[in-house]
Amino acid sequence: MQRRFNEWLQRQEAGGKTFTPEQRWWLDLIAAHIGINLEMSAEDFTSGAFFQRGGQVAALRAFGGELLPVLDELNEELGGK
């Protein structure tokens, strides 16, 4: 799973996308969550470290309108949907 996540990050960077340190924190935690649970939904932002960091509101603030598309992409890439 970590290899697929790193490959996804590399493709994003090759396409000109860069992530802030805060966005990387969210991405790393989302990837870890998917690695354990095979998927992540918006509701998962309401518990654990996600909630402690501000939940979905903070994630939306970090990613803006890109949060749900990124979440969908990572679910597909890492969760095998």
PDB file of N, CA and C in Angstrom:
ATOM      1  N   MET A   1       0.822  -1.187   0.000  1.00  0.00           N
ATOM      2  CA  MET A   1       0.000   0.000   0.000  1.00  0.00           C
ATOM      3  C   MET A   1       0.871   1.258   0.000  1.00  0.00           C
ATOM      4  N   GLN A   2       1.930   1.261   0.797  1.00  0.00           N
ATOM      5  CA  GLN A   2       2.810   2.439   0.850  1.00  0.00           C
ATOM      6  C   GLN A   2       3.432   2.709  -0.514  1.00  0.00           C
ATOM      7  N   ARG A   3       3.804   1.648  -1.221  1.00  0.00           N
ATOM      8  CA  ARG A   3       4.385   1.822  -2.554  1.00  0.00           C
ATOM      9  C   ARG A   3       3.382   2.483  -3.491  1.00  0.00           C
ATOM     10  N   ARG A   4       2.125   2.022  -3.458  1.00  0.00           N
ATOM     11  CA  ARG A   4       1.090   2.616  -4.331  1.00  0.00           C
ATOM     12  C   ARG A   4       0.845   4.074  -3.958  1.00  0.00           C
ATOM     13  N   PHE A   5       0.876   4.379  -2.667  1.00  0.00           N
ATOM     14  CA  PHE A   5       0.694   5.766  -2.225  1.00  0.00           C
ATOM     15  C   PHE A   5       1.847   6.627  -2.732  1.00  0.00           C
ATOM     16  N   ASN A   6       3.066   6.145  -2.591  1.00  0.00           N
ATOM     17  CA  ASN A   6       4.226   6.901  -3.088  1.00  0.00           C
ATOM     18  C   ASN A   6       4.160   7.099  -4.592  1.00  0.00           C
ATOM     19  N   GLU A   7       3.717   6.074  -5.308  1.00  0.00           N
ATOM     20  CA  GLU A   7       3.566   6.201  -6.764  1.00  0.00           C
ATOM     21  C   GLU A   7       2.500   7.236  -7.103  1.00  0.00           C
ATOM     22  N   TRP A   8       1.406   7.246  -6.351  1.00  0.00           N
ATOM     23  CA  TRP A   8       0.348   8.233  -6.568  1.00  0.00           C
ATOM     24  C   TRP A   8       0.897   9.638  -6.341  1.00  0.00           C
ATOM     25  N   LEU A   9       1.650   9.808  -5.244  1.00  0.00           N
ATOM     26  CA  LEU A   9       2.249  11.122  -4.957  1.00  0.00           C
ATOM     27  C   LEU A   9       3.182  11.549  -6.089  1.00  0.00           C
ATOM     28  N   GLN A  10       3.989  10.628  -6.589  1.00  0.00           N
ATOM     29  CA  GLN A  10       4.910  10.943  -7.681  1.00  0.00           C
ATOM     30  C   GLN A  10       4.164  11.354  -8.943  1.00  0.00           C
ATOM     31  N   ARG A  11       3.063  10.668  -9.251  1.00  0.00           N
ATOM     32  CA  ARG A  11       2.259  11.050 -10.422  1.00  0.00           C
ATOM     33  C   ARG A  11       1.663  12.439 -10.239  1.00  0.00           C
ATOM     34  N   GLN A  12       1.230  12.754  -9.027  1.00  0.00           N
ATOM     35  CA  GLN A  12       0.684  14.079  -8.757  1.00  0.00           C
ATOM     36  C   GLN A  12       1.747  15.146  -8.997  1.00  0.00           C
ATOM     37  N   GLU A  13       2.946  14.902  -8.465  1.00  0.00           N
ATOM     38  CA  GLU A  13       4.044  15.858  -8.621  1.00  0.00           C
ATOM     39  C   GLU A  13       4.467  15.986 -10.081  1.00  0.00           C
ATOM     40  N   ALA A  14       4.492  14.861 -10.801  1.00  0.00           N
ATOM     41  CA  ALA A  14       4.853  14.892 -12.219  1.00  0.00           C
ATOM     42  C   ALA A  14       3.836  15.705 -13.017  1.00  0.00           C
ATOM     43  N   GLY A  15       2.599  15.716 -12.545  1.00  0.00           N
ATOM     44  CA  GLY A  15       1.549  16.495 -13.199  1.00  0.00           C
ATOM     45  C   GLY A  15       1.512  17.941 -12.743  1.00  0.00           C
ATOM     46  N   GLY A  16       2.474  18.334 -11.913  1.00  0.00           N
ATOM     47  CA  GLY A  16       2.557  19.728 -11.475  1.00  0.00           C
ATOM     48  C   GLY A  16       1.879  20.033 -10.158  1.00  0.00           C
ATOM     49  N   LYS A  17       1.329  19.023  -9.500  1.00  0.00           N
ATOM     50  CA  LYS A  17       0.630  19.230  -8.230  1.00  0.00           C
ATOM     51  C   LYS A  17       1.629  19.162  -7.079  1.00  0.00           C
ATOM     52  N   THR A  18       1.584  20.153  -6.212  1.00  0.00           N
ATOM     53  CA  THR A  18       2.397  20.120  -5.004  1.00  0.00           C
ATOM     54  C   THR A  18       1.468  20.189  -3.805  1.00  0.00           C
ATOM     55  N   PHE A  19       1.900  19.619  -2.711  1.00  0.00           N
ATOM     56  CA  PHE A  19       1.107  19.589  -1.495  1.00  0.00           C
ATOM     57  C   PHE A  19       1.829  20.341  -0.391  1.00  0.00           C
ATOM     58  N   THR A  20       1.064  21.078   0.391  1.00  0.00           N
ATOM     59  CA  THR A  20       1.618  21.779   1.546  1.00  0.00           C
ATOM     60  C   THR A  20       1.925  20.743   2.633  1.00  0.00           C
ATOM     61  N   PRO A  21       2.722  21.116   3.627  1.00  0.00           N
ATOM     62  CA  PRO A  21       2.959  20.190   4.738  1.00  0.00           C
ATOM     63  C   PRO A  21       1.655  19.761   5.425  1.00  0.00           C
ATOM     64  N   GLU A  22       0.718  20.678   5.563  1.00  0.00           N
ATOM     65  CA  GLU A  22      -0.560  20.309   6.182  1.00  0.00           C
ATOM     66  C   GLU A  22      -1.321  19.313   5.320  1.00  0.00           C
ATOM     67  N   GLN A  23      -1.344  19.549   4.025  1.00  0.00           N
ATOM     68  CA  GLN A  23      -2.019  18.602   3.135  1.00  0.00           C
ATOM     69  C   GLN A  23      -1.342  17.222   3.189  1.00  0.00           C
ATOM     70  N   ARG A  24      -0.012  17.202   3.260  1.00  0.00           N
ATOM     71  CA  ARG A  24       0.699  15.921   3.359  1.00  0.00           C
ATOM     72  C   ARG A  24       0.334  15.192   4.644  1.00  0.00           C
ATOM     73  N   TRP A  25       0.141  15.936   5.749  1.00  0.00           N
ATOM     74  CA  TRP A  25      -0.280  15.294   6.993  1.00  0.00           C
ATOM     75  C   TRP A  25      -1.603  14.574   6.765  1.00  0.00           C
ATOM     76  N   TRP A  26      -2.560  15.272   6.167  1.00  0.00           N
ATOM     77  CA  TRP A  26      -3.861  14.674   5.880  1.00  0.00           C
ATOM     78  C   TRP A  26      -3.729  13.497   4.933  1.00  0.00           C
ATOM     79  N   LEU A  27      -2.968  13.656   3.861  1.00  0.00           N
ATOM     80  CA  LEU A  27      -2.804  12.579   2.882  1.00  0.00           C
ATOM     81  C   LEU A  27      -2.184  11.335   3.514  1.00  0.00           C
ATOM     82  N   ASP A  28      -1.154  11.539   4.330  1.00  0.00           N
ATOM     83  CA  ASP A  28      -0.503  10.404   4.981  1.00  0.00           C
ATOM     84  C   ASP A  28      -1.481   9.669   5.892  1.00  0.00           C
ATOM     85  N   LEU A  29      -2.274  10.414   6.637  1.00  0.00           N
ATOM     86  CA  LEU A  29      -3.231   9.787   7.551  1.00  0.00           C
ATOM     87  C   LEU A  29      -4.368   9.105   6.783  1.00  0.00           C
ATOM     88  N   ILE A  30      -4.827   9.734   5.720  1.00  0.00           N
ATOM     89  CA  ILE A  30      -5.862   9.118   4.881  1.00  0.00           C
ATOM     90  C   ILE A  30      -5.338   7.812   4.289  1.00  0.00           C
ATOM     91  N   ALA A  31      -4.108   7.840   3.768  1.00  0.00           N
ATOM     92  CA  ALA A  31      -3.526   6.630   3.185  1.00  0.00           C
ATOM     93  C   ALA A  31      -3.398   5.525   4.230  1.00  0.00           C
ATOM     94  N   ALA A  32      -2.968   5.867   5.430  1.00  0.00           N
ATOM     95  CA  ALA A  32      -2.844   4.872   6.498  1.00  0.00           C
ATOM     96  C   ALA A  32      -4.216   4.299   6.842  1.00  0.00           C
ATOM     97  N   HIS A  33      -5.224   5.161   6.896  1.00  0.00           N
ATOM     98  CA  HIS A  33      -6.583   4.710   7.203  1.00  0.00           C
ATOM     99  C   HIS A  33      -7.086   3.740   6.129  1.00  0.00           C
ATOM    100  N   ILE A  34      -6.850   4.076   4.877  1.00  0.00           N
ATOM    101  CA  ILE A  34      -7.273   3.205   3.776  1.00  0.00           C
ATOM    102  C   ILE A  34      -6.502   1.886   3.842  1.00  0.00           C
ATOM    103  N   GLY A  35      -5.230   1.946   4.204  1.00  0.00           N
ATOM    104  CA  GLY A  35      -4.432   0.733   4.322  1.00  0.00           C
ATOM    105  C   GLY A  35      -4.995  -0.239   5.342  1.00  0.00           C
ATOM    106  N   ILE A  36      -5.611   0.272   6.377  1.00  0.00           N
ATOM    107  CA  ILE A  36      -6.190  -0.568   7.430  1.00  0.00           C
ATOM    108  C   ILE A  36      -7.628  -0.952   7.106  1.00  0.00           C
ATOM    109  N   ASN A  37      -8.412   0.006   6.636  1.00  0.00           N
ATOM    110  CA  ASN A  37      -9.860  -0.177   6.475  1.00  0.00           C
ATOM    111  C   ASN A  37     -10.320  -0.402   5.037  1.00  0.00           C
ATOM    112  N   LEU A  38      -9.395  -0.335   4.094  1.00  0.00           N
ATOM    113  CA  LEU A  38      -9.652  -0.533   2.666  1.00  0.00           C
ATOM    114  C   LEU A  38     -10.432   0.584   1.997  1.00  0.00           C
ATOM    115  N   GLU A  39     -10.945   1.535   2.762  1.00  0.00           N
ATOM    116  CA  GLU A  39     -11.606   2.704   2.182  1.00  0.00           C
ATOM    117  C   GLU A  39     -11.729   3.779   3.245  1.00  0.00           C
ATOM    118  N   MET A  40     -12.043   4.971   2.782  1.00  0.00           N
ATOM    119  CA  MET A  40     -12.299   6.075   3.700  1.00  0.00           C
ATOM    120  C   MET A  40     -13.460   6.882   3.154  1.00  0.00           C
ATOM    121  N   SER A  41     -14.354   7.260   4.048  1.00  0.00           N
ATOM    122  CA  SER A  41     -15.492   8.094   3.663  1.00  0.00           C
ATOM    123  C   SER A  41     -15.410   9.407   4.422  1.00  0.00           C
ATOM    124  N   ALA A  42     -16.248  10.350   4.042  1.00  0.00           N
ATOM    125  CA  ALA A  42     -16.273  11.651   4.720  1.00  0.00           C
ATOM    126  C   ALA A  42     -16.593  11.485   6.202  1.00  0.00           C
ATOM    127  N   GLU A  43     -17.389  10.485   6.558  1.00  0.00           N
ATOM    128  CA  GLU A  43     -17.752  10.263   7.959  1.00  0.00           C
ATOM    129  C   GLU A  43     -16.548   9.884   8.817  1.00  0.00           C
ATOM    130  N   ASP A  44     -15.528   9.309   8.192  1.00  0.00           N
ATOM    131  CA  ASP A  44     -14.342   8.899   8.950  1.00  0.00           C
ATOM    132  C   ASP A  44     -13.565  10.081   9.514  1.00  0.00           C
ATOM    133  N   PHE A  45     -13.829  11.273   9.015  1.00  0.00           N
ATOM    134  CA  PHE A  45     -13.157  12.466   9.546  1.00  0.00           C
ATOM    135  C   PHE A  45     -13.652  12.827  10.942  1.00  0.00           C
ATOM    136  N   THR A  46     -14.686  12.146  11.422  1.00  0.00           N
ATOM    137  CA  THR A  46     -15.279  12.507  12.717  1.00  0.00           C
ATOM    138  C   THR A  46     -14.693  11.727  13.886  1.00  0.00           C
ATOM    139  N   SER A  47     -13.615  10.972  13.654  1.00  0.00           N
ATOM    140  CA  SER A  47     -13.055  10.196  14.760  1.00  0.00           C
ATOM    141  C   SER A  47     -11.536  10.222  14.750  1.00  0.00           C
ATOM    142  N   GLY A  48     -10.973   9.803  15.869  1.00  0.00           N
ATOM    143  CA  GLY A  48      -9.532   9.635  16.002  1.00  0.00           C
ATOM    144  C   GLY A  48      -8.729  10.885  15.705  1.00  0.00           C
ATOM    145  N   ALA A  49      -7.574  10.651  15.087  1.00  0.00           N
ATOM    146  CA  ALA A  49      -6.657  11.750  14.793  1.00  0.00           C
ATOM    147  C   ALA A  49      -7.272  12.763  13.834  1.00  0.00           C
ATOM    148  N   PHE A  50      -8.151  12.295  12.952  1.00  0.00           N
ATOM    149  CA  PHE A  50      -8.831  13.224  12.043  1.00  0.00           C
ATOM    150  C   PHE A  50      -9.631  14.250  12.844  1.00  0.00           C
ATOM    151  N   PHE A  51     -10.399  13.758  13.800  1.00  0.00           N
ATOM    152  CA  PHE A  51     -11.230  14.636  14.629  1.00  0.00           C
ATOM    153  C   PHE A  51     -10.356  15.557  15.477  1.00  0.00           C
ATOM    154  N   GLN A  52      -9.299  15.007  16.044  1.00  0.00           N
ATOM    155  CA  GLN A  52      -8.408  15.808  16.888  1.00  0.00           C
ATOM    156  C   GLN A  52      -7.753  16.942  16.110  1.00  0.00           C
ATOM    157  N   ARG A  53      -7.581  16.761  14.823  1.00  0.00           N
ATOM    158  CA  ARG A  53      -6.939  17.781  13.989  1.00  0.00           C
ATOM    159  C   ARG A  53      -7.959  18.750  13.395  1.00  0.00           C
ATOM    160  N   GLY A  54      -9.251  18.560  13.708  1.00  0.00           N
ATOM    161  CA  GLY A  54     -10.266  19.486  13.222  1.00  0.00           C
ATOM    162  C   GLY A  54     -11.294  18.862  12.311  1.00  0.00           C
ATOM    163  N   GLY A  55     -11.164  17.564  12.052  1.00  0.00           N
ATOM    164  CA  GLY A  55     -12.159  16.841  11.284  1.00  0.00           C
ATOM    165  C   GLY A  55     -12.298  17.311   9.852  1.00  0.00           C
ATOM    166  N   GLN A  56     -13.474  17.074   9.323  1.00  0.00           N
ATOM    167  CA  GLN A  56     -13.727  17.380   7.916  1.00  0.00           C
ATOM    168  C   GLN A  56     -13.589  18.873   7.620  1.00  0.00           C
ATOM    169  N   VAL A  57     -13.934  19.712   8.585  1.00  0.00           N
ATOM    170  CA  VAL A  57     -13.823  21.165   8.369  1.00  0.00           C
ATOM    171  C   VAL A  57     -12.365  21.540   8.117  1.00  0.00           C
ATOM    172  N   ALA A  58     -11.456  21.004   8.934  1.00  0.00           N
ATOM    173  CA  ALA A  58     -10.039  21.318   8.762  1.00  0.00           C
ATOM    174  C   ALA A  58      -9.491  20.720   7.467  1.00  0.00           C
ATOM    175  N   ALA A  59      -9.940  19.517   7.128  1.00  0.00           N
ATOM    176  CA  ALA A  59      -9.493  18.901   5.881  1.00  0.00           C
ATOM    177  C   ALA A  59      -9.982  19.711   4.678  1.00  0.00           C
ATOM    178  N   LEU A  60     -11.224  20.159   4.739  1.00  0.00           N
ATOM    179  CA  LEU A  60     -11.750  21.004   3.658  1.00  0.00           C
ATOM    180  C   LEU A  60     -10.989  22.317   3.558  1.00  0.00           C
ATOM    181  N   ARG A  61     -10.631  22.859   4.702  1.00  0.00           N
ATOM    182  CA  ARG A  61      -9.850  24.099   4.706  1.00  0.00           C
ATOM    183  C   ARG A  61      -8.485  23.860   4.049  1.00  0.00           C
ATOM    184  N   ALA A  62      -7.883  22.708   4.297  1.00  0.00           N
ATOM    185  CA  ALA A  62      -6.574  22.396   3.728  1.00  0.00           C
ATOM    186  C   ALA A  62      -6.640  22.129   2.221  1.00  0.00           C
ATOM    187  N   PHE A  63      -7.708  21.487   1.773  1.00  0.00           N
ATOM    188  CA  PHE A  63      -7.798  21.062   0.369  1.00  0.00           C
ATOM    189  C   PHE A  63      -8.806  21.836  -0.467  1.00  0.00           C
ATOM    190  N   GLY A  64      -9.685  22.567   0.181  1.00  0.00           N
ATOM    191  CA  GLY A  64     -10.729  23.255  -0.573  1.00  0.00           C
ATOM    192  C   GLY A  64     -11.603  22.246  -1.300  1.00  0.00           C
ATOM    193  N   GLY A  65     -11.992  22.584  -2.496  1.00  0.00           N
ATOM    194  CA  GLY A  65     -12.863  21.723  -3.280  1.00  0.00           C
ATOM    195  C   GLY A  65     -12.201  20.453  -3.784  1.00  0.00           C
ATOM    196  N   GLU A  66     -10.921  20.300  -3.522  1.00  0.00           N
ATOM    197  CA  GLU A  66     -10.200  19.117  -3.990  1.00  0.00           C
ATOM    198  C   GLU A  66     -10.281  17.941  -3.027  1.00  0.00           C
ATOM    199  N   LEU A  67     -10.821  18.135  -1.825  1.00  0.00           N
ATOM    200  CA  LEU A  67     -10.802  17.062  -0.833  1.00  0.00           C
ATOM    201  C   LEU A  67     -11.521  15.807  -1.309  1.00  0.00           C
ATOM    202  N   LEU A  68     -12.753  15.928  -1.731  1.00  0.00           N
ATOM    203  CA  LEU A  68     -13.505  14.735  -2.119  1.00  0.00           C
ATOM    204  C   LEU A  68     -12.937  14.058  -3.366  1.00  0.00           C
ATOM    205  N   PRO A  69     -12.515  14.802  -4.400  1.00  0.00           N
ATOM    206  CA  PRO A  69     -11.866  14.121  -5.525  1.00  0.00           C
ATOM    207  C   PRO A  69     -10.584  13.387  -5.116  1.00  0.00           C
ATOM    208  N   VAL A  70      -9.792  13.998  -4.243  1.00  0.00           N
ATOM    209  CA  VAL A  70      -8.570  13.344  -3.770  1.00  0.00           C
ATOM    210  C   VAL A  70      -8.925  12.096  -2.967  1.00  0.00           C
ATOM    211  N   LEU A  71      -9.920  12.200  -2.115  1.00  0.00           N
ATOM    212  CA  LEU A  71     -10.363  11.055  -1.319  1.00  0.00           C
ATOM    213  C   LEU A  71     -10.832   9.921  -2.235  1.00  0.00           C
ATOM    214  N   ASP A  72     -11.601  10.244  -3.262  1.00  0.00           N
ATOM    215  CA  ASP A  72     -12.055   9.234  -4.219  1.00  0.00           C
ATOM    216  C   ASP A  72     -10.877   8.575  -4.934  1.00  0.00           C
ATOM    217  N   GLU A  73      -9.918   9.397  -5.349  1.00  0.00           N
ATOM    218  CA  GLU A  73      -8.748   8.869  -6.041  1.00  0.00           C
ATOM    219  C   GLU A  73      -7.953   7.921  -5.149  1.00  0.00           C
ATOM    220  N   LEU A  74      -7.730   8.351  -3.909  1.00  0.00           N
ATOM    221  CA  LEU A  74      -6.953   7.504  -2.997  1.00  0.00           C
ATOM    222  C   LEU A  74      -7.715   6.218  -2.661  1.00  0.00           C
ATOM    223  N   ASN A  75      -9.017   6.297  -2.511  1.00  0.00           N
ATOM    224  CA  ASN A  75      -9.796   5.079  -2.278  1.00  0.00           C
ATOM    225  C   ASN A  75      -9.612   4.102  -3.440  1.00  0.00           C
ATOM    226  N   GLU A  76      -9.648   4.619  -4.641  1.00  0.00           N
ATOM    227  CA  GLU A  76      -9.507   3.763  -5.814  1.00  0.00           C
ATOM    228  C   GLU A  76      -8.094   3.210  -5.929  1.00  0.00           C
ATOM    229  N   GLU A  77      -7.109   4.066  -5.757  1.00  0.00           N
ATOM    230  CA  GLU A  77      -5.709   3.667  -5.892  1.00  0.00           C
ATOM    231  C   GLU A  77      -5.254   2.702  -4.800  1.00  0.00           C
ATOM    232  N   LEU A  78      -5.638   2.998  -3.568  1.00  0.00           N
ATOM    233  CA  LEU A  78      -5.086   2.262  -2.430  1.00  0.00           C
ATOM    234  C   LEU A  78      -6.026   1.188  -1.896  1.00  0.00           C
ATOM    235  N   GLY A  79      -7.319   1.417  -2.047  1.00  0.00           N
ATOM    236  CA  GLY A  79      -8.279   0.477  -1.492  1.00  0.00           C
ATOM    237  C   GLY A  79      -8.687  -0.613  -2.469  1.00  0.00           C
ATOM    238  N   GLY A  80      -8.329  -0.430  -3.709  1.00  0.00           N
ATOM    239  CA  GLY A  80      -8.628  -1.453  -4.693  1.00  0.00           C
ATOM    240  C   GLY A  80     -10.079  -1.500  -5.131  1.00  0.00           C
ATOM    241  N   LYS A  81     -10.791  -0.369  -5.005  1.00  0.00           N
ATOM    242  CA  LYS A  81     -12.186  -0.325  -5.448  1.00  0.00           C
ATOM    243  C   LYS A  81     -12.279  -0.511  -6.942  1.00  0.00           C
TER     244      LYS A  81
END
